[in-house]
């Protein structure tokens, strides 16, 4: 029984991985009724020796997904769309509130705390990678729940 419990515990710590790309702690925030956008966050690690790029994403909960960065310009925070996110070799990028993120545009319904939804990430080298995001409460600044959701590992 202990061996089974240990195996299940190790499974929950596994991240989705493909061709040197790992995704950890994928999450989003709950949205109010009528909201047409949501935001996705995660850490993407590249364990390989060559850089890779996140070049796109899609999810059935939104018509399309855009990649955005947020930068401070003087006293103003500005968000702009970018065509990709580079993940350096043996490095990582963190998509987090107040910084880089995935914008889910024209959501088809509100996202509710506790639910999970799928997302497909497209990388220049690694190809497509299917993950799952866990929805946290509105206003969250980081993932709050430790779960065994496939494709997530909360750091």
Protein backbone atom coordinates (compact mmCIF):
# COMPACT_ATOMS: atom_id res chain seq x y z
CA UNK A 1 0.00 0.00 0.00
CA UNK A 2 2.84 2.39 0.82
CA UNK A 3 4.41 1.71 -2.56
CA UNK A 4 1.13 2.56 -4.31
CA UNK A 5 0.78 5.77 -2.27
CA UNK A 6 4.38 6.74 -3.10
CA UNK A 7 3.81 6.05 -6.81
CA UNK A 8 0.63 8.17 -6.81
CA UNK A 9 2.46 10.98 -5.01
CA UNK A 10 5.27 10.94 -7.58
CA UNK A 11 2.72 10.96 -10.40
CA UNK A 12 1.17 14.15 -9.00
CA UNK A 13 4.58 15.84 -9.11
CA UNK A 14 5.13 15.04 -12.77
CA UNK A 15 4.77 17.89 -15.22
CA UNK A 16 3.71 17.54 -18.79
CA UNK A 17 6.91 17.12 -20.76
CA UNK A 18 7.71 16.82 -24.44
CA UNK A 19 11.05 17.09 -26.22
CA UNK A 20 12.70 18.92 -23.33
CA UNK A 21 9.73 21.22 -22.62
CA UNK A 22 8.01 20.93 -19.24
CA UNK A 23 4.96 22.87 -18.05
CA UNK A 24 4.41 23.40 -14.33
CA UNK A 25 1.68 25.08 -12.25
CA UNK A 26 -0.73 25.93 -15.09
CA UNK A 27 -3.63 28.01 -13.77
CA UNK A 28 -6.16 30.73 -14.47
CA UNK A 29 -8.51 32.94 -12.46
CA UNK A 30 -12.28 32.65 -12.13
CA UNK A 31 -14.10 35.20 -14.27
CA UNK A 32 -17.27 37.17 -13.52
CA UNK A 33 -20.45 36.50 -15.51
CA UNK A 34 -20.30 38.24 -18.87
CA UNK A 35 -16.50 38.51 -18.97
CA UNK A 36 -15.09 37.97 -22.45
CA UNK A 37 -11.44 37.44 -21.50
CA UNK A 38 -9.48 35.28 -19.09
CA UNK A 39 -5.76 34.86 -18.48
CA UNK A 40 -3.53 31.78 -18.31
CA UNK A 41 -0.37 31.47 -16.25
CA UNK A 42 2.30 28.77 -15.90
CA UNK A 43 5.99 28.05 -15.77
CA UNK A 44 7.56 26.62 -18.94
CA UNK A 45 10.95 24.93 -18.58
CA UNK A 46 13.32 23.89 -21.33
CA UNK A 47 15.59 21.07 -20.19
CA UNK A 48 17.12 20.75 -23.65
CA UNK A 49 20.32 22.20 -25.06
CA UNK A 50 18.59 24.30 -27.75
CA UNK A 51 16.18 27.20 -27.36
CA UNK A 52 12.51 26.71 -28.19
CA UNK A 53 9.64 29.14 -28.67
CA UNK A 54 6.02 29.05 -27.62
CA UNK A 55 4.39 30.17 -30.88
CA UNK A 56 0.70 29.66 -30.14
CA UNK A 57 -2.01 28.21 -27.94
CA UNK A 58 -5.66 27.22 -28.16
CA UNK A 59 -8.41 26.15 -25.79
CA UNK A 60 -12.06 25.18 -26.21
CA UNK A 61 -13.07 27.81 -23.61
CA UNK A 62 -12.06 30.77 -25.84
CA UNK A 63 -12.21 31.67 -29.51
CA UNK A 64 -8.47 32.38 -29.55
CA UNK A 65 -5.43 32.80 -27.32
CA UNK A 66 -2.94 35.66 -27.53
CA UNK A 67 0.52 35.94 -25.98
CA UNK A 68 1.05 39.19 -24.06
CA UNK A 69 3.79 40.91 -22.11
CA UNK A 70 3.28 43.66 -19.55
CA UNK A 71 5.95 46.31 -19.06
CA UNK A 72 6.21 49.41 -16.92
CA UNK A 73 6.73 52.55 -18.98
CA UNK A 74 7.29 55.36 -16.52
CA UNK A 75 4.32 55.28 -14.15
CA UNK A 76 2.10 53.26 -16.50
CA UNK A 77 1.87 49.51 -16.99
CA UNK A 78 1.38 48.67 -20.67
CA UNK A 79 0.35 45.34 -22.16
CA UNK A 80 1.17 44.35 -25.71
CA UNK A 81 0.75 41.26 -27.82
CA UNK A 82 3.85 39.35 -28.93
CA UNK A 83 4.27 36.66 -31.56
CA UNK A 84 6.14 34.17 -29.33
CA UNK A 85 7.84 33.52 -26.00
CA UNK A 86 11.42 32.21 -26.16
CA UNK A 87 12.40 29.53 -23.66
CA UNK A 88 16.20 29.45 -23.38
CA UNK A 89 18.11 26.16 -23.24
CA UNK A 90 18.25 24.81 -19.69
CA UNK A 91 16.11 27.78 -18.67
CA UNK A 92 12.51 28.75 -18.07
CA UNK A 93 9.94 31.48 -18.42
CA UNK A 94 7.19 32.26 -15.97
CA UNK A 95 3.82 33.52 -17.12
CA UNK A 96 2.44 35.32 -14.06
CA UNK A 97 0.14 38.17 -13.00
CA UNK A 98 1.66 41.55 -13.82
CA UNK A 99 3.96 40.06 -16.46
CA UNK A 100 3.87 37.77 -19.45
CA UNK A 101 0.65 35.78 -19.83
CA UNK A 102 -1.72 34.03 -22.21
CA UNK A 103 -4.88 36.06 -22.90
CA UNK A 104 -7.94 33.92 -23.62
CA UNK A 105 -10.03 36.14 -25.90
CA UNK A 106 -13.78 35.86 -26.42
CA UNK A 107 -14.36 33.24 -23.75
CA UNK A 108 -17.46 31.17 -24.39
CA UNK A 109 -18.53 31.04 -20.72
CA UNK A 110 -17.35 32.18 -17.30
CA UNK A 111 -14.56 30.20 -15.66
CA UNK A 112 -15.45 28.94 -12.19
CA UNK A 113 -13.11 28.37 -9.25
CA UNK A 114 -12.11 24.73 -8.93
CA UNK A 115 -12.76 23.70 -12.52
CA UNK A 116 -10.05 22.62 -14.94
CA UNK A 117 -9.88 23.19 -18.66
CA UNK A 118 -7.61 21.97 -21.47
CA UNK A 119 -5.17 24.03 -23.48
CA UNK A 120 -2.92 23.06 -26.36
CA UNK A 121 0.45 24.82 -26.53
CA UNK A 122 2.38 24.95 -29.82
CA UNK A 123 6.17 25.12 -29.73
CA UNK A 124 8.52 25.77 -32.63
CA UNK A 125 10.66 22.68 -31.91
CA UNK A 126 8.69 20.53 -29.47
CA UNK A 127 5.43 20.71 -31.43
CA UNK A 128 2.09 20.51 -29.65
CA UNK A 129 1.70 19.87 -25.94
CA UNK A 130 -1.68 19.39 -24.24
CA UNK A 131 -1.97 20.73 -20.69
CA UNK A 132 -4.72 21.45 -18.17
CA UNK A 133 -5.21 24.69 -16.23
CA UNK A 134 -6.82 24.84 -12.80
CA UNK A 135 -9.10 27.82 -12.14
CA UNK A 136 -8.32 29.72 -8.91
CA UNK A 137 -10.42 32.36 -7.19
CA UNK A 138 -10.73 35.85 -8.68
CA UNK A 139 -7.84 38.08 -7.69
CA UNK A 140 -5.36 35.22 -7.15
CA UNK A 141 -1.72 36.18 -7.56
CA UNK A 142 -0.41 32.58 -7.68
CA UNK A 143 -1.80 29.04 -7.72
CA UNK A 144 -3.21 28.25 -4.30
CA UNK A 145 -4.15 24.60 -4.54
CA UNK A 146 -1.95 21.58 -4.74
CA UNK A 147 -3.68 19.15 -7.04
CA UNK A 148 -3.09 16.00 -8.97
CA UNK A 149 -4.40 17.53 -12.17
CA UNK A 150 -2.65 16.06 -15.18
CA UNK A 151 -0.14 18.48 -16.62
CA UNK A 152 0.28 20.59 -13.51
CA UNK A 153 2.76 20.72 -10.72
CA UNK A 154 2.41 23.49 -8.20
CA UNK A 155 5.80 24.78 -7.10
